């Protein structure tokens, strides 16, 4: 469980040999080669994903947060840099702590980090899977939870790899209602949403480093008690399809003496009740959560969805509007409002869906609604832009994404691109009715 890559050479020699590489054009937009002093040549992709030393890019500077993390985690002996990227932060942390491990899901970044952070042990691993080692008493996660497909799964993974009472430093991009996120950034955070995510994933916030500006940052501590274990058991039960077991575990966690976790568990139980079609239990749960957290938009969002499901559309709109006023950056509230408004006019619904798409730019379901309404409003390129943004995340969405893009391209008069997407849909899922219909329309053999 604790196997790690072997550290190269002696510490003094490794650090002394490290210097910024020279960058060379690789002949493709955004692609470079980094040539290190020892002669190694490593591929580099310049973009939003990560910063490289001495290279200008759109990735935000994170060094100040790593310096803060080194202070916040003082006294830790074994530190994990989760999402270490090119290794700039791991290199800095290795100067302050006895053992630093850096992980990143991108093999290209790890190849660079091995040379950039010679005092750290870096390896390719995904936060969205169980990590192959444990025992960290300090964890750093900077500009990473906004990039992963499953933020909760990632936080849970960090909790499982941490020792009891381990400290966690987190810094993430701050959310704004008009944000324009670009791949790989999938979400940004308000202080409330970040604290809620950590509470449900097994950490209690101890102090805020910053709540304002372009990033929110905090220090938290791992909690290992019965309620936290109950949440973990609930998530495992859901993963294997045991909704009854999951509800029982969530009810147990909702009795926690820690208000933040009790609130999150009760909300999760209400959401699960709604998903299972138990409207009465969901309503009771949402009202109870509303009382324990009157500033939280999510119980109002849940009540809006219930109202929409039973045909009380005016109530659905009113509740969703109240939720968005509490937190205009909450994607769930924005989606609930767009769903409710769609029962009325395109003129009101399309801007609402576009707002939801800004908050959840990787959601195919949201982008598809944008595309449908854009088609009806005769602004097809709006739908194309939303769907192309989803495609930029390179998630394995298969034929459904190709079908939606083909339709949007047709609406926009971009026939050749529509044909390509139709062919991709037919190859990915030849028996899918929508894919077959498009194949027939374009004369593509299936």
Protein backbone atom coordinates (compact mmCIF):
# COMPACT_ATOMS: atom_id res chain seq x y z
CA UNK A 1 0.00 0.00 0.00
CA UNK A 2 2.85 2.42 0.70
CA UNK A 3 5.13 1.71 -2.26
CA UNK A 4 6.53 4.86 -3.85
CA UNK A 5 8.99 5.68 -6.63
CA UNK A 6 12.65 5.61 -5.61
CA UNK A 7 14.17 9.08 -5.09
CA UNK A 8 17.09 9.72 -7.43
CA UNK A 9 20.68 10.41 -6.23
CA UNK A 10 21.55 12.33 -3.04
CA UNK A 11 19.41 15.27 -1.82
CA UNK A 12 22.13 17.89 -2.24
CA UNK A 13 23.02 16.72 -5.72
CA UNK A 14 19.39 16.54 -6.83
CA UNK A 15 18.53 20.08 -5.71
CA UNK A 16 21.75 21.62 -7.02
CA UNK A 17 21.23 20.08 -10.44
CA UNK A 18 17.75 21.51 -10.85
CA UNK A 19 17.30 24.65 -12.95
CA UNK A 20 14.59 26.03 -15.20
CA UNK A 21 14.59 24.31 -18.60
CA UNK A 22 14.83 25.95 -22.01
CA UNK A 23 11.61 25.74 -24.03
CA UNK A 24 11.53 24.87 -27.72
CA UNK A 25 8.68 25.06 -30.21
CA UNK A 26 7.13 21.64 -30.89
CA UNK A 27 5.45 22.73 -34.12
CA UNK A 28 1.88 22.60 -32.81
CA UNK A 29 -0.20 25.31 -31.11
CA UNK A 30 0.27 25.17 -27.34
CA UNK A 31 2.88 22.40 -27.62
CA UNK A 32 6.49 22.89 -26.54
CA UNK A 33 9.49 20.84 -25.52
CA UNK A 34 11.35 21.55 -22.30
CA UNK A 35 15.06 20.81 -22.51
CA UNK A 36 16.74 20.32 -19.13
CA UNK A 37 20.39 20.95 -18.34
CA UNK A 38 21.08 17.21 -18.21
CA UNK A 39 19.87 16.84 -21.80
CA UNK A 40 16.40 15.42 -21.09
CA UNK A 41 13.67 16.64 -23.46
CA UNK A 42 10.11 16.62 -22.12
CA UNK A 43 6.86 17.49 -23.88
CA UNK A 44 4.93 20.43 -22.42
CA UNK A 45 1.34 21.56 -23.08
CA UNK A 46 0.84 25.25 -22.36
CA UNK A 47 -2.68 26.07 -21.13
CA UNK A 48 -4.99 26.43 -18.14
CA UNK A 49 -4.13 23.04 -16.63
CA UNK A 50 -0.81 23.91 -14.97
CA UNK A 51 2.03 26.39 -14.80
CA UNK A 52 5.60 25.62 -15.82
CA UNK A 53 8.67 27.44 -14.48
CA UNK A 54 9.73 30.35 -16.69
CA UNK A 55 6.82 29.84 -19.10
CA UNK A 56 3.97 32.32 -19.49
CA UNK A 57 0.54 30.66 -19.62
CA UNK A 58 -3.08 31.17 -18.58
CA UNK A 59 -2.65 28.90 -15.55
CA UNK A 60 -2.88 30.96 -12.35
CA UNK A 61 0.26 31.40 -10.23
CA UNK A 62 0.10 29.05 -7.25
CA UNK A 63 3.48 29.58 -5.56
CA UNK A 64 2.04 31.98 -2.92
CA UNK A 65 -0.42 29.30 -1.85
CA UNK A 66 2.31 26.68 -1.56
CA UNK A 67 4.24 29.08 0.65
CA UNK A 68 1.12 29.50 2.81
CA UNK A 69 0.67 25.70 2.89
CA UNK A 70 4.23 25.22 4.14
CA UNK A 71 3.42 27.51 7.07
CA UNK A 72 0.00 26.01 7.79
CA UNK A 73 1.32 22.43 7.77
CA UNK A 74 4.41 23.19 9.86
CA UNK A 75 5.33 20.17 11.95
CA UNK A 76 4.07 17.63 9.42
CA UNK A 77 6.52 14.92 8.46
CA UNK A 78 4.90 13.21 5.48
CA UNK A 79 3.13 15.54 3.04
CA UNK A 80 1.09 14.78 -0.08
CA UNK A 81 0.90 17.30 -2.92
CA UNK A 82 -2.36 16.22 -4.56
CA UNK A 83 -2.40 17.32 -8.18
CA UNK A 84 1.24 18.39 -8.22
CA UNK A 85 1.27 19.25 -11.93
CA UNK A 86 4.72 20.22 -13.15
CA UNK A 87 6.17 19.96 -9.65
CA UNK A 88 6.75 23.62 -8.79
CA UNK A 89 4.88 23.30 -5.51
CA UNK A 90 6.32 19.89 -4.64
CA UNK A 91 9.80 21.34 -5.05
CA UNK A 92 9.00 24.13 -2.60
CA UNK A 93 7.34 21.78 -0.10
CA UNK A 94 10.32 19.41 -0.19
CA UNK A 95 12.46 22.16 1.30
CA UNK A 96 10.23 22.29 4.39
CA UNK A 97 9.19 18.69 5.05
CA UNK A 98 11.02 15.42 5.51
CA UNK A 99 9.03 13.47 2.92
CA UNK A 100 6.94 14.91 0.10
CA UNK A 101 4.96 12.83 -2.36
CA UNK A 102 3.48 14.43 -5.47
CA UNK A 103 0.73 12.85 -7.56
CA UNK A 104 -0.94 13.92 -10.78
CA UNK A 105 -3.16 12.10 -13.25
CA UNK A 106 -1.25 13.53 -16.23
CA UNK A 107 1.77 11.44 -17.21
CA UNK A 108 3.23 14.31 -19.22
CA UNK A 109 3.20 16.56 -16.15
CA UNK A 110 4.79 13.84 -14.00
CA UNK A 111 7.64 13.41 -16.48
CA UNK A 112 8.38 17.12 -16.00
CA UNK A 113 7.84 17.04 -12.22
CA UNK A 114 10.39 14.25 -11.75
CA UNK A 115 13.03 16.71 -12.92
CA UNK A 116 11.54 19.87 -11.43
CA UNK A 117 11.11 18.45 -7.91
CA UNK A 118 14.07 16.08 -7.38
CA UNK A 119 13.66 16.05 -3.59
CA UNK A 120 10.07 14.80 -3.85
CA UNK A 121 8.76 11.41 -4.90
CA UNK A 122 6.31 12.01 -7.73
CA UNK A 123 4.11 9.47 -9.43
CA UNK A 124 1.17 9.28 -11.80
CA UNK A 125 -2.08 8.60 -9.91
CA UNK A 126 -5.69 9.80 -10.01
CA UNK A 127 -7.48 11.32 -7.05
CA UNK A 128 -10.69 9.80 -8.36
CA UNK A 129 -9.44 6.33 -7.48
CA UNK A 130 -8.15 4.90 -4.22
CA UNK A 131 -4.54 5.99 -3.89
CA UNK A 132 -1.85 3.30 -3.54
CA UNK A 133 -0.41 4.71 -0.29
CA UNK A 134 -1.51 6.05 3.08
CA UNK A 135 -0.11 7.66 6.22
CA UNK A 136 0.11 11.37 5.34
CA UNK A 137 -0.15 13.88 8.17
CA UNK A 138 -0.19 16.85 5.80
CA UNK A 139 -2.03 17.23 2.47
CA UNK A 140 -1.96 20.07 -0.05
CA UNK A 141 -4.61 20.47 -2.77
CA UNK A 142 -4.17 23.65 -4.80
CA UNK A 143 -6.19 24.35 -7.95
CA UNK A 144 -7.15 20.70 -8.32
CA UNK A 145 -10.66 20.06 -6.91
CA UNK A 146 -12.09 22.35 -9.57
CA UNK A 147 -10.50 20.24 -12.31
CA UNK A 148 -11.52 16.69 -11.39
CA UNK A 149 -14.71 15.16 -12.74
CA UNK A 150 -15.81 13.96 -9.29
CA UNK A 151 -14.79 16.41 -6.55
CA UNK A 152 -16.40 14.42 -3.74
CA UNK A 153 -14.69 11.22 -4.78
CA UNK A 154 -11.40 13.08 -4.79
CA UNK A 155 -11.87 14.52 -1.29
CA UNK A 156 -12.87 11.09 -0.01
CA UNK A 157 -9.72 9.65 -1.55
CA UNK A 158 -7.64 12.25 0.27
CA UNK A 159 -9.37 11.43 3.53
CA UNK A 160 -8.65 7.72 3.13
CA UNK A 161 -4.96 8.34 2.53
CA UNK A 162 -4.59 10.68 5.52
CA UNK A 163 -3.67 9.78 9.08
CA UNK A 164 -6.12 10.64 11.89
CA UNK A 165 -6.01 14.37 12.66
CA UNK A 166 -4.05 15.06 9.46
CA UNK A 167 -4.12 18.65 8.28
CA UNK A 168 -5.31 19.69 4.82
CA UNK A 169 -4.55 22.93 2.97
CA UNK A 170 -6.89 23.75 0.07
CA UNK A 171 -6.88 26.67 -2.38
CA UNK A 172 -9.37 26.74 -5.25
CA UNK A 173 -10.58 29.23 -7.84
CA UNK A 174 -13.34 31.48 -6.51
CA UNK A 175 -16.76 31.25 -8.17
CA UNK A 176 -18.45 34.19 -9.89
CA UNK A 177 -21.93 34.24 -11.51
CA UNK A 178 -20.53 35.34 -14.88
CA UNK A 179 -17.47 33.10 -14.79
CA UNK A 180 -16.10 31.68 -18.03
CA UNK A 181 -14.31 28.47 -17.09
CA UNK A 182 -12.11 26.73 -19.63
CA UNK A 183 -11.02 23.12 -19.70
CA UNK A 184 -9.80 21.55 -17.51
CA UNK A 185 -11.48 23.87 -14.96
CA UNK A 186 -14.95 22.43 -14.39
CA UNK A 187 -16.09 24.34 -11.32
CA UNK A 188 -15.12 27.15 -8.99
CA UNK A 189 -16.04 27.50 -5.33
CA UNK A 190 -17.67 29.84 -2.89
CA UNK A 191 -16.53 29.53 0.72
CA UNK A 192 -19.84 27.79 1.50
CA UNK A 193 -19.57 25.24 -1.29
CA UNK A 194 -15.94 24.40 -0.54
CA UNK A 195 -16.60 23.97 3.20
CA UNK A 196 -19.64 21.80 2.43
CA UNK A 197 -17.65 19.54 0.12
CA UNK A 198 -14.91 19.05 2.69
CA UNK A 199 -17.35 18.42 5.54
CA UNK A 200 -19.10 15.65 3.63
CA UNK A 201 -15.74 14.21 2.55
CA UNK A 202 -14.32 13.91 6.08
CA UNK A 203 -12.66 17.23 6.93
CA UNK A 204 -13.59 20.09 9.27
CA UNK A 205 -12.54 23.62 8.36
CA UNK A 206 -10.29 25.10 11.06
CA UNK A 207 -9.38 28.47 9.56
CA UNK A 208 -9.85 30.53 6.42
CA UNK A 209 -6.77 31.91 4.72
CA UNK A 210 -8.79 33.97 2.25
CA UNK A 211 -12.47 34.19 1.33
CA UNK A 212 -12.15 36.97 -1.24
CA UNK A 213 -10.29 37.53 -4.48
CA UNK A 214 -9.62 35.07 -7.29
CA UNK A 215 -9.07 32.11 -4.93
CA UNK A 216 -10.58 30.82 -1.71
CA UNK A 217 -8.17 29.06 0.65
CA UNK A 218 -8.49 27.31 3.98
CA UNK A 219 -6.92 24.94 6.45
CA UNK A 220 -8.87 21.86 7.57
CA UNK A 221 -8.35 18.76 9.67
CA UNK A 222 -9.38 15.16 9.06
CA UNK A 223 -12.12 13.83 11.30
CA UNK A 224 -12.47 10.12 11.90
CA UNK A 225 -15.67 9.36 13.84
CA UNK A 226 -18.79 7.24 13.43
CA UNK A 227 -20.65 9.89 11.41
CA UNK A 228 -17.79 10.26 8.94
CA UNK A 229 -17.58 6.49 8.56
CA UNK A 230 -21.35 6.37 8.02
CA UNK A 231 -21.06 8.83 5.11
CA UNK A 232 -18.26 6.75 3.60
CA UNK A 233 -20.40 3.62 3.96
CA UNK A 234 -23.33 5.44 2.34
CA UNK A 235 -21.24 6.38 -0.70
CA UNK A 236 -19.97 2.82 -1.03
CA UNK A 237 -23.55 1.52 -0.76
CA UNK A 238 -24.70 3.88 -3.51
CA UNK A 239 -21.82 2.75 -5.72
CA UNK A 240 -23.06 -0.85 -5.52
CA UNK A 241 -26.72 0.16 -5.97
CA UNK A 242 -27.83 -0.37 -2.36
CA UNK A 243 -30.08 2.67 -1.86
CA UNK A 244 -31.72 1.21 1.26
CA UNK A 245 -28.36 0.75 2.95
CA UNK A 246 -27.25 4.21 1.84
CA UNK A 247 -30.34 5.86 3.38
CA UNK A 248 -29.75 4.10 6.68
CA UNK A 249 -26.12 5.25 6.74
CA UNK A 250 -27.06 8.84 5.90
CA UNK A 251 -29.67 8.91 8.65
CA UNK A 252 -26.97 7.75 11.06
CA UNK A 253 -24.60 10.47 9.88
CA UNK A 254 -27.33 13.11 10.14
CA UNK A 255 -27.27 12.55 13.89
CA UNK A 256 -23.67 13.76 14.11
CA UNK A 257 -22.71 16.21 16.85
CA UNK A 258 -20.77 18.14 14.20
CA UNK A 259 -23.30 20.60 12.71
CA UNK A 260 -21.62 20.87 9.30
CA UNK A 261 -21.59 17.12 8.69
CA UNK A 262 -25.08 16.62 10.14
CA UNK A 263 -26.36 19.26 7.71
CA UNK A 264 -24.65 17.69 4.68
CA UNK A 265 -25.80 14.18 5.56
CA UNK A 266 -29.41 15.30 6.03
CA UNK A 267 -29.31 17.10 2.68
CA UNK A 268 -27.85 14.02 0.98
CA UNK A 269 -30.63 11.90 2.51
CA UNK A 270 -33.28 14.29 1.17
CA UNK A 271 -31.70 14.27 -2.29
CA UNK A 272 -31.64 10.47 -2.25
CA UNK A 273 -35.29 10.32 -1.21
CA UNK A 274 -36.21 12.57 -4.13
CA UNK A 275 -34.16 10.48 -6.55
CA UNK A 276 -36.00 7.36 -5.33
CA UNK A 277 -39.39 8.98 -5.85
CA UNK A 278 -40.18 9.44 -2.17
CA UNK A 279 -41.43 13.01 -2.44
CA UNK A 280 -42.93 13.25 1.03
CA UNK A 281 -39.69 12.19 2.73
CA UNK A 282 -37.71 14.51 0.47
CA UNK A 283 -39.92 17.48 1.36
CA UNK A 284 -39.61 16.78 5.08
CA UNK A 285 -35.86 16.47 4.70
CA UNK A 286 -35.48 19.70 2.73
CA UNK A 287 -37.52 21.68 5.25
CA UNK A 288 -35.42 20.30 8.11
CA UNK A 289 -32.18 21.19 6.30
CA UNK A 290 -33.58 24.62 5.53
CA UNK A 291 -33.97 25.22 9.27
CA UNK A 292 -30.42 24.08 10.08
CA UNK A 293 -28.89 26.17 7.28
CA UNK A 294 -31.07 29.12 6.23
CA UNK A 295 -28.25 30.56 4.10
CA UNK A 296 -27.83 27.35 2.11
CA UNK A 297 -29.55 27.48 -1.33
CA UNK A 298 -29.66 23.71 -1.79
CA UNK A 299 -32.76 22.84 0.26
CA UNK A 300 -34.68 25.50 -1.65
CA UNK A 301 -33.31 24.00 -4.86
CA UNK A 302 -34.57 20.59 -3.77
CA UNK A 303 -38.01 21.96 -2.98
CA UNK A 304 -38.07 23.67 -6.38
CA UNK A 305 -37.35 20.37 -8.10
CA UNK A 306 -40.11 18.65 -6.13
CA UNK A 307 -42.55 21.43 -7.09
CA UNK A 308 -41.52 21.13 -10.73
CA UNK A 309 -42.01 17.36 -10.64
CA UNK A 310 -45.59 17.67 -9.37
CA UNK A 311 -46.53 20.45 -11.80
CA UNK A 312 -46.48 23.42 -9.43
CA UNK A 313 -44.40 25.54 -11.77
CA UNK A 314 -44.99 28.93 -10.15
CA UNK A 315 -43.76 27.53 -6.84
CA UNK A 316 -40.81 25.94 -8.60
CA UNK A 317 -39.80 29.28 -10.09
CA UNK A 318 -40.22 31.16 -6.82
CA UNK A 319 -38.19 28.64 -4.84
CA UNK A 320 -35.41 28.48 -7.44
CA UNK A 321 -35.23 32.27 -7.62
CA UNK A 322 -34.87 32.39 -3.83
CA UNK A 323 -32.08 29.81 -4.06
CA UNK A 324 -30.18 31.79 -6.68
CA UNK A 325 -30.48 34.94 -4.60
CA UNK A 326 -28.86 33.12 -1.69
CA UNK A 327 -26.01 31.93 -3.92
CA UNK A 328 -25.93 33.05 -7.56
CA UNK A 329 -22.91 30.76 -8.09
CA UNK A 330 -24.69 27.53 -7.15
CA UNK A 331 -25.02 25.37 -10.27
CA UNK A 332 -27.87 23.28 -8.87
CA UNK A 333 -29.96 26.36 -8.14
CA UNK A 334 -29.28 27.76 -11.61
CA UNK A 335 -30.32 24.48 -13.24
CA UNK A 336 -33.51 24.29 -11.14
CA UNK A 337 -34.43 27.83 -12.19
CA UNK A 338 -33.80 27.07 -15.86
CA UNK A 339 -35.96 23.93 -15.67
CA UNK A 340 -38.79 25.84 -14.04
CA UNK A 341 -38.62 28.75 -16.49
CA UNK A 342 -38.69 26.41 -19.48
CA UNK A 343 -42.36 25.78 -18.75
CA UNK A 344 -42.90 29.40 -19.77
CA UNK A 345 -41.11 31.15 -22.63
CA UNK A 346 -37.91 30.59 -24.57
CA UNK A 347 -37.02 34.23 -23.95
CA UNK A 348 -36.75 33.57 -20.22
CA UNK A 349 -35.48 29.99 -20.31
CA UNK A 350 -32.57 30.35 -22.72
CA UNK A 351 -30.66 32.97 -20.66
CA UNK A 352 -31.26 30.83 -17.57
CA UNK A 353 -29.83 27.73 -19.22
CA UNK A 354 -26.85 29.72 -20.48
CA UNK A 355 -26.22 30.92 -16.93
CA UNK A 356 -26.37 27.31 -15.74
CA UNK A 357 -23.92 26.32 -18.47
CA UNK A 358 -21.40 28.85 -17.20
CA UNK A 359 -21.59 27.29 -13.74
CA UNK A 360 -21.53 23.69 -15.02
CA UNK A 361 -19.57 23.95 -18.28
CA UNK A 362 -18.87 20.21 -18.50
CA UNK A 363 -22.52 19.12 -18.26
CA UNK A 364 -23.87 17.56 -21.45
CA UNK A 365 -27.42 17.68 -20.08
CA UNK A 366 -27.22 21.44 -19.54
CA UNK A 367 -25.49 22.15 -22.86
CA UNK A 368 -28.10 20.05 -24.68
CA UNK A 369 -30.90 22.20 -23.28
CA UNK A 370 -29.00 25.31 -24.36
CA UNK A 371 -28.72 23.86 -27.87
CA UNK A 372 -32.42 22.93 -28.10
CA UNK A 373 -33.60 26.36 -27.01
CA UNK A 374 -30.98 28.11 -29.14
CA UNK A 375 -32.37 26.22 -32.12
CA UNK A 376 -35.88 27.45 -31.37
CA UNK A 377 -34.63 31.00 -30.83
CA UNK A 378 -32.67 30.87 -34.11
CA UNK A 379 -29.31 31.47 -32.44
CA UNK A 380 -27.84 28.04 -33.16
CA UNK A 381 -24.21 29.09 -32.62
CA UNK A 382 -25.02 29.60 -28.93
CA UNK A 383 -25.83 25.91 -28.68
CA UNK A 384 -22.74 24.96 -30.68
CA UNK A 385 -20.53 26.92 -28.29
CA UNK A 386 -22.03 25.22 -25.23
CA UNK A 387 -21.59 21.74 -26.69
CA UNK A 388 -18.07 22.41 -27.95
CA UNK A 389 -17.17 23.53 -24.44
CA UNK A 390 -18.42 20.18 -23.10
CA UNK A 391 -16.34 18.36 -25.72
CA UNK A 392 -13.21 20.23 -24.63
CA UNK A 393 -13.21 18.29 -21.33
CA UNK A 394 -12.67 15.05 -23.26
CA UNK A 395 -14.99 13.05 -21.05
CA UNK A 396 -16.07 9.65 -22.44
CA UNK A 397 -19.58 10.80 -23.39
CA UNK A 398 -19.72 8.76 -26.59
CA UNK A 399 -22.57 8.84 -29.07
CA UNK A 400 -24.92 11.21 -27.14
CA UNK A 401 -22.42 14.07 -27.43
CA UNK A 402 -21.81 13.35 -31.12
CA UNK A 403 -25.56 13.32 -31.77
CA UNK A 404 -26.11 16.65 -30.03
CA UNK A 405 -23.18 18.25 -31.83
CA UNK A 406 -24.37 16.96 -35.20
CA UNK A 407 -27.79 18.52 -34.63
CA UNK A 408 -26.31 21.81 -33.44
CA UNK A 409 -23.95 22.00 -36.40
CA UNK A 410 -26.86 21.36 -38.75
CA UNK A 411 -28.85 24.13 -37.08
CA UNK A 412 -25.89 26.46 -37.59
CA UNK A 413 -25.50 25.50 -41.25
CA UNK A 414 -22.15 23.76 -40.64
CA UNK A 415 -23.00 20.66 -42.66
CA UNK A 416 -19.54 19.15 -43.06
CA UNK A 417 -18.93 19.23 -39.31
CA UNK A 418 -22.40 17.79 -38.71
CA UNK A 419 -21.61 14.88 -41.02
CA UNK A 420 -18.38 14.11 -39.13
CA UNK A 421 -20.24 14.03 -35.81
CA UNK A 422 -23.02 11.90 -37.29
CA UNK A 423 -20.43 9.37 -38.51
CA UNK A 424 -18.74 9.32 -35.10
CA UNK A 425 -22.13 8.73 -33.44
CA UNK A 426 -22.90 5.85 -35.81
CA UNK A 427 -19.54 4.22 -35.13
CA UNK A 428 -19.85 4.67 -31.36
CA UNK A 429 -23.43 3.36 -31.10
CA UNK A 430 -24.78 1.95 -34.37
CA UNK A 431 -28.03 0.76 -32.74
CA UNK A 432 -28.85 4.08 -31.04
CA UNK A 433 -32.02 5.40 -32.74
CA UNK A 434 -30.80 9.03 -32.87
CA UNK A 435 -27.46 7.91 -34.33
CA UNK A 436 -29.22 5.74 -36.93
CA UNK A 437 -31.53 8.62 -37.88
CA UNK A 438 -28.57 10.92 -38.47
CA UNK A 439 -26.72 8.21 -40.41
CA UNK A 440 -29.72 7.78 -42.69
CA UNK A 441 -30.02 11.54 -43.15
CA UNK A 442 -26.39 11.76 -44.28
CA UNK A 443 -26.34 8.49 -46.23
CA UNK A 444 -23.82 6.92 -43.84
CA UNK A 445 -23.66 3.13 -43.87
CA UNK A 446 -24.16 1.63 -40.43
